[in-house]
Amino acid sequence: MLDLDSAFSALADPTRRAILARLALGEATVMELAEPFEMTQPAVSRHLKVLEGAGLILRRVEGAKRPCRLAPQAITEIDRWLDWLREAMARNYDRLDGVLAEIENEEGKDRS
């Protein structure tokens, strides 16, 4: 099970979000991920450790390389939680719409 606190904490950093966006295009090595950033490879590796610790990416050993890829199950779990939140908000707005409609009806009756 994904720890949502760790996942959202990892997602709070723009560099880590950019890394995930790059990994959405496909697997990449640390060196490939470091290319667009003005930071050292060890700094990118630290970001990758946070993403891996949060369960958002997976790494495998391929000789001297450690290619990274998105962890699809983690993305699915975040999406499932966001769907639940959207549904809860929609129910709240529907209730608010009902209350406002009742108020308008009452005000319309008072004017008659």
Protein backbone atom coordinates (compact mmCIF):
# COMPACT_ATOMS: atom_id res chain seq x y z
CA MET A 1 0.00 0.00 0.00
CA LEU A 2 1.30 3.43 -0.93
CA ASP A 3 2.02 5.90 1.87
CA LEU A 4 0.17 8.97 0.58
CA ASP A 5 2.00 11.30 2.98
CA SER A 6 5.37 10.23 1.58
CA ALA A 7 4.10 10.37 -1.98
CA PHE A 8 2.69 13.87 -1.68
CA SER A 9 5.78 15.03 0.20
CA ALA A 10 7.92 13.75 -2.67
CA LEU A 11 5.62 15.42 -5.19
CA ALA A 12 5.96 18.77 -3.41
CA ASP A 13 9.36 19.34 -5.03
CA PRO A 14 9.31 20.70 -8.62
CA THR A 15 12.49 18.82 -9.59
CA ARG A 16 10.96 15.52 -8.53
CA ARG A 17 7.76 16.32 -10.43
CA ALA A 18 9.89 17.08 -13.52
CA ILE A 19 11.70 13.76 -13.09
CA LEU A 20 8.37 11.93 -12.90
CA ALA A 21 7.16 13.78 -16.01
CA ARG A 22 10.29 12.60 -17.85
CA LEU A 23 9.78 9.04 -16.63
CA ALA A 24 6.21 9.16 -17.95
CA LEU A 25 7.86 9.11 -21.40
CA GLY A 26 9.78 5.94 -20.56
CA GLU A 27 12.59 4.42 -18.56
CA ALA A 28 15.76 6.51 -18.07
CA THR A 29 19.12 6.31 -16.33
CA VAL A 30 20.31 8.73 -13.67
CA MET A 31 22.57 10.44 -16.21
CA GLU A 32 19.68 10.86 -18.66
CA LEU A 33 17.49 12.26 -15.92
CA ALA A 34 20.23 14.67 -14.78
CA GLU A 35 20.73 16.21 -18.25
CA PRO A 36 18.09 18.98 -18.14
CA PHE A 37 18.94 20.09 -14.60
CA GLU A 38 21.68 22.39 -13.41
CA MET A 39 22.65 20.07 -10.58
CA THR A 40 25.10 17.29 -10.00
CA GLN A 41 24.38 13.64 -10.63
CA PRO A 42 24.55 12.93 -6.86
CA ALA A 43 21.90 15.61 -6.28
CA VAL A 44 19.62 13.96 -8.86
CA SER A 45 20.34 10.61 -7.20
CA ARG A 46 19.12 12.02 -3.88
CA HIS A 47 15.86 13.09 -5.56
CA LEU A 48 15.53 9.60 -7.00
CA LYS A 49 16.01 8.05 -3.56
CA VAL A 50 13.14 10.18 -2.24
CA LEU A 51 10.92 9.14 -5.16
CA GLU A 52 11.88 5.50 -4.71
CA GLY A 53 11.32 5.68 -0.95
CA ALA A 54 7.87 7.14 -1.58
CA GLY A 55 7.10 4.23 -3.90
CA LEU A 56 6.70 6.44 -6.97
CA ILE A 57 9.53 4.95 -9.04
CA LEU A 58 11.18 1.58 -9.46
CA ARG A 59 14.88 0.98 -10.15
CA ARG A 60 16.61 -2.07 -11.52
CA VAL A 61 20.24 -3.01 -11.88
CA GLU A 62 21.52 -3.37 -15.43
CA GLY A 63 25.28 -3.79 -15.20
CA ALA A 64 26.67 -0.49 -13.94
CA LYS A 65 23.42 1.32 -14.76
CA ARG A 66 20.32 1.63 -12.62
CA PRO A 67 17.46 2.57 -14.97
CA CYS A 68 14.38 4.11 -13.36
CA ARG A 69 10.73 3.90 -14.33
CA LEU A 70 7.42 5.01 -12.91
CA ALA A 71 5.68 2.70 -10.45
CA PRO A 72 2.28 2.39 -12.14
CA GLN A 73 0.56 1.00 -9.04
CA ALA A 74 1.58 4.08 -7.03
CA ILE A 75 0.19 6.42 -9.68
CA THR A 76 -3.03 4.39 -9.72
CA GLU A 77 -3.37 4.64 -5.93
CA ILE A 78 -2.84 8.43 -5.99
CA ASP A 79 -5.40 8.72 -8.78
CA ARG A 80 -7.87 6.57 -6.81
CA TRP A 81 -7.49 8.85 -3.77
CA LEU A 82 -7.93 11.96 -5.92
CA ASP A 83 -11.07 10.43 -7.48
CA TRP A 84 -12.49 9.85 -3.99
CA LEU A 85 -11.70 13.48 -3.11
CA ARG A 86 -13.34 14.76 -6.33
CA GLU A 87 -16.46 12.70 -5.60
CA ALA A 88 -16.66 14.01 -2.03
CA MET A 89 -16.33 17.58 -3.26
CA ALA A 90 -19.01 17.01 -5.92
CA ARG A 91 -21.39 15.68 -3.24
CA ASN A 92 -20.70 18.78 -1.11
CA TYR A 93 -21.39 21.09 -4.06
CA ASP A 94 -24.59 19.17 -4.86
CA ARG A 95 -25.77 19.67 -1.25
CA LEU A 96 -24.89 23.36 -1.44
CA ASP A 97 -26.83 23.67 -4.71
CA GLY A 98 -29.84 22.11 -2.95
CA VAL A 99 -29.62 24.53 -0.02
CA LEU A 100 -29.30 27.53 -2.36
CA ALA A 101 -32.27 26.34 -4.41
CA GLU A 102 -34.36 26.05 -1.23
CA ILE A 103 -33.35 29.58 -0.19
CA GLU A 104 -34.30 30.94 -3.62
CA ASN A 105 -37.67 29.16 -3.46
CA GLU A 106 -38.38 30.58 0.00
CA GLU A 107 -37.39 34.09 -1.09
CA GLY A 108 -39.58 33.74 -4.20
CA LYS A 109 -42.59 32.73 -2.05
CA ASP A 110 -41.99 35.66 0.32
CA ARG A 111 -42.12 38.14 -2.60
CA SER A 112 -45.45 36.83 -3.87
